[in-house]
N, C-alpha and C. Protein backbone atom coordinates (compact mmCIF):
# COMPACT_ATOMS: atom_id res chain seq x y z
N MET A 1 9.60 7.47 7.60
CA MET A 1 10.01 6.48 6.63
C MET A 1 8.95 6.45 5.52
N ARG A 2 9.40 6.50 4.29
CA ARG A 2 8.48 6.44 3.15
C ARG A 2 8.77 5.17 2.35
N LYS A 3 7.69 4.46 2.01
CA LYS A 3 7.79 3.24 1.22
C LYS A 3 6.94 3.36 -0.03
N LYS A 4 7.42 2.78 -1.11
CA LYS A 4 6.67 2.68 -2.36
C LYS A 4 6.33 1.21 -2.56
N ILE A 5 5.02 0.93 -2.63
CA ILE A 5 4.55 -0.43 -2.81
C ILE A 5 4.00 -0.56 -4.23
N SER A 6 4.63 -1.39 -5.04
CA SER A 6 4.14 -1.65 -6.40
C SER A 6 3.04 -2.70 -6.32
N ILE A 7 1.90 -2.40 -6.95
CA ILE A 7 0.70 -3.23 -6.79
C ILE A 7 0.10 -3.55 -8.16
N GLU A 8 -0.24 -4.81 -8.37
CA GLU A 8 -0.94 -5.23 -9.58
C GLU A 8 -2.38 -5.56 -9.23
N GLY A 9 -3.29 -5.36 -10.19
CA GLY A 9 -4.67 -5.76 -10.02
C GLY A 9 -5.64 -4.61 -9.79
N MET A 10 -5.13 -3.39 -9.62
CA MET A 10 -6.02 -2.25 -9.43
C MET A 10 -6.49 -1.75 -10.80
N SER A 11 -7.81 -1.47 -10.91
CA SER A 11 -8.32 -1.03 -12.20
C SER A 11 -9.27 0.16 -12.13
N CYS A 12 -9.64 0.59 -10.91
CA CYS A 12 -10.62 1.69 -10.80
C CYS A 12 -10.47 2.41 -9.46
N SER A 13 -11.28 3.43 -9.28
CA SER A 13 -11.20 4.21 -8.04
C SER A 13 -11.63 3.38 -6.83
N HIS A 14 -12.48 2.40 -7.01
CA HIS A 14 -12.85 1.52 -5.90
C HIS A 14 -11.65 0.72 -5.42
N CYS A 15 -10.81 0.30 -6.35
CA CYS A 15 -9.58 -0.41 -5.99
C CYS A 15 -8.67 0.49 -5.16
N VAL A 16 -8.55 1.74 -5.59
CA VAL A 16 -7.74 2.72 -4.86
C VAL A 16 -8.26 2.84 -3.43
N ASN A 17 -9.57 2.94 -3.27
CA ASN A 17 -10.17 3.04 -1.93
C ASN A 17 -9.90 1.80 -1.09
N HIS A 18 -10.01 0.61 -1.69
CA HIS A 18 -9.76 -0.63 -0.95
C HIS A 18 -8.32 -0.67 -0.44
N VAL A 19 -7.36 -0.35 -1.31
CA VAL A 19 -5.95 -0.37 -0.93
C VAL A 19 -5.66 0.70 0.12
N THR A 20 -6.18 1.90 -0.09
CA THR A 20 -5.98 2.99 0.86
C THR A 20 -6.51 2.61 2.24
N ASN A 21 -7.71 2.08 2.29
CA ASN A 21 -8.30 1.69 3.57
C ASN A 21 -7.53 0.56 4.24
N ALA A 22 -7.12 -0.43 3.45
CA ALA A 22 -6.38 -1.56 4.01
C ALA A 22 -5.07 -1.11 4.63
N LEU A 23 -4.34 -0.24 3.93
CA LEU A 23 -3.06 0.23 4.44
C LEU A 23 -3.23 1.19 5.61
N SER A 24 -4.26 2.00 5.57
CA SER A 24 -4.48 3.00 6.62
C SER A 24 -4.82 2.37 7.97
N GLU A 25 -5.33 1.15 7.96
CA GLU A 25 -5.71 0.47 9.19
C GLU A 25 -4.53 -0.11 9.95
N ILE A 26 -3.35 -0.12 9.36
CA ILE A 26 -2.17 -0.68 10.01
C ILE A 26 -1.61 0.31 11.02
N ASP A 27 -1.38 -0.17 12.24
CA ASP A 27 -0.74 0.68 13.26
C ASP A 27 0.65 1.06 12.78
N GLY A 28 0.95 2.35 12.83
CA GLY A 28 2.25 2.84 12.40
C GLY A 28 2.23 3.49 11.04
N VAL A 29 1.14 3.32 10.29
CA VAL A 29 1.00 3.97 8.99
C VAL A 29 0.40 5.36 9.22
N LYS A 30 1.10 6.39 8.73
CA LYS A 30 0.68 7.76 8.95
C LYS A 30 -0.06 8.35 7.75
N ASN A 31 0.34 7.98 6.54
CA ASN A 31 -0.25 8.57 5.34
C ASN A 31 -0.16 7.57 4.20
N VAL A 32 -1.23 7.53 3.37
CA VAL A 32 -1.26 6.62 2.21
C VAL A 32 -1.72 7.41 1.00
N ASN A 33 -0.98 7.29 -0.10
CA ASN A 33 -1.34 7.89 -1.38
C ASN A 33 -1.24 6.81 -2.45
N VAL A 34 -2.36 6.48 -3.09
CA VAL A 34 -2.36 5.41 -4.10
C VAL A 34 -2.47 6.03 -5.49
N ASN A 35 -1.59 5.60 -6.39
CA ASN A 35 -1.58 6.07 -7.77
C ASN A 35 -2.07 4.93 -8.66
N LEU A 36 -3.29 5.06 -9.17
CA LEU A 36 -3.90 4.01 -9.99
C LEU A 36 -3.17 3.83 -11.31
N GLU A 37 -2.86 4.93 -11.97
CA GLU A 37 -2.25 4.88 -13.30
C GLU A 37 -0.89 4.18 -13.28
N ASP A 38 -0.08 4.50 -12.28
CA ASP A 38 1.27 3.93 -12.21
C ASP A 38 1.35 2.70 -11.30
N LYS A 39 0.22 2.30 -10.72
CA LYS A 39 0.10 1.06 -9.95
C LYS A 39 1.03 0.99 -8.74
N TYR A 40 0.94 2.01 -7.89
CA TYR A 40 1.72 1.96 -6.66
C TYR A 40 1.03 2.74 -5.55
N ALA A 41 1.48 2.47 -4.33
CA ALA A 41 1.03 3.23 -3.16
C ALA A 41 2.27 3.80 -2.48
N MET A 42 2.22 5.08 -2.13
CA MET A 42 3.26 5.70 -1.31
C MET A 42 2.74 5.72 0.11
N VAL A 43 3.53 5.18 1.02
CA VAL A 43 3.09 5.04 2.41
C VAL A 43 4.14 5.65 3.33
N ASP A 44 3.71 6.56 4.19
CA ASP A 44 4.57 7.11 5.24
C ASP A 44 4.31 6.32 6.51
N THR A 45 5.39 5.80 7.10
CA THR A 45 5.26 4.96 8.29
C THR A 45 6.11 5.52 9.42
N GLU A 46 5.78 5.09 10.63
CA GLU A 46 6.53 5.50 11.81
C GLU A 46 7.81 4.69 11.98
N ASN A 47 7.85 3.47 11.41
CA ASN A 47 9.05 2.64 11.53
C ASN A 47 9.23 1.80 10.28
N ASN A 48 10.30 1.05 10.24
CA ASN A 48 10.69 0.31 9.04
C ASN A 48 10.25 -1.15 9.07
N ASP A 49 9.49 -1.55 10.08
CA ASP A 49 9.16 -2.97 10.27
C ASP A 49 7.76 -3.34 9.79
N LEU A 50 7.20 -2.59 8.85
CA LEU A 50 5.82 -2.82 8.46
C LEU A 50 5.66 -3.46 7.09
N ASP A 51 6.75 -3.83 6.43
CA ASP A 51 6.64 -4.38 5.07
C ASP A 51 5.72 -5.60 5.02
N ASP A 52 5.90 -6.54 5.93
CA ASP A 52 5.08 -7.75 5.91
C ASP A 52 3.61 -7.43 6.16
N ALA A 53 3.35 -6.52 7.10
CA ALA A 53 1.97 -6.14 7.41
C ALA A 53 1.33 -5.43 6.22
N MET A 54 2.09 -4.57 5.55
CA MET A 54 1.54 -3.85 4.39
C MET A 54 1.26 -4.82 3.25
N LYS A 55 2.17 -5.74 3.00
CA LYS A 55 1.96 -6.73 1.94
C LYS A 55 0.73 -7.57 2.24
N PHE A 56 0.61 -8.03 3.48
CA PHE A 56 -0.54 -8.84 3.87
C PHE A 56 -1.84 -8.07 3.68
N ALA A 57 -1.88 -6.81 4.10
CA ALA A 57 -3.10 -5.99 4.00
C ALA A 57 -3.53 -5.81 2.55
N VAL A 58 -2.58 -5.52 1.68
CA VAL A 58 -2.89 -5.32 0.26
C VAL A 58 -3.38 -6.63 -0.36
N GLU A 59 -2.73 -7.72 -0.04
CA GLU A 59 -3.13 -9.01 -0.61
C GLU A 59 -4.47 -9.47 -0.05
N GLU A 60 -4.75 -9.19 1.21
CA GLU A 60 -6.06 -9.51 1.78
C GLU A 60 -7.17 -8.69 1.12
N ALA A 61 -6.83 -7.50 0.64
CA ALA A 61 -7.80 -6.66 -0.07
C ALA A 61 -8.03 -7.14 -1.50
N GLY A 62 -7.21 -8.10 -1.97
CA GLY A 62 -7.43 -8.70 -3.28
C GLY A 62 -6.47 -8.28 -4.37
N TYR A 63 -5.33 -7.72 -3.99
CA TYR A 63 -4.37 -7.23 -4.99
C TYR A 63 -3.01 -7.88 -4.75
N GLU A 64 -2.14 -7.79 -5.75
CA GLU A 64 -0.82 -8.41 -5.67
C GLU A 64 0.27 -7.37 -5.45
N VAL A 65 1.07 -7.58 -4.41
CA VAL A 65 2.23 -6.72 -4.17
C VAL A 65 3.40 -7.31 -4.95
N VAL A 66 3.97 -6.50 -5.86
CA VAL A 66 5.10 -6.98 -6.65
C VAL A 66 6.42 -6.41 -6.17
N GLY A 67 6.38 -5.51 -5.21
CA GLY A 67 7.61 -4.97 -4.65
C GLY A 67 7.35 -3.87 -3.65
N ILE A 68 8.28 -3.77 -2.68
CA ILE A 68 8.25 -2.68 -1.70
C ILE A 68 9.65 -2.12 -1.62
N GLU A 69 9.77 -0.80 -1.80
CA GLU A 69 11.09 -0.17 -1.73
C GLU A 69 11.05 1.06 -0.85
N GLU A 70 12.16 1.33 -0.21
CA GLU A 70 12.28 2.53 0.62
C GLU A 70 12.60 3.72 -0.27
N ILE A 71 11.93 4.83 -0.05
CA ILE A 71 12.15 6.03 -0.85
C ILE A 71 12.88 7.07 -0.01
């Protein structure tokens, strides 16, 4: 399952690292790719029930999730 998470508040490579690390720590997340320029993260997951956990992780890292869509 692939999800695209639209994220506001990222401004540098440190932000990319924070988001990548936060999402990577979630059980069931297999791969994370964060695009700073277009303000999103592509996440490969083992199941479809991780939206709330992913949103919480990104927001706990200090960024705003503006949407999550299945790709």
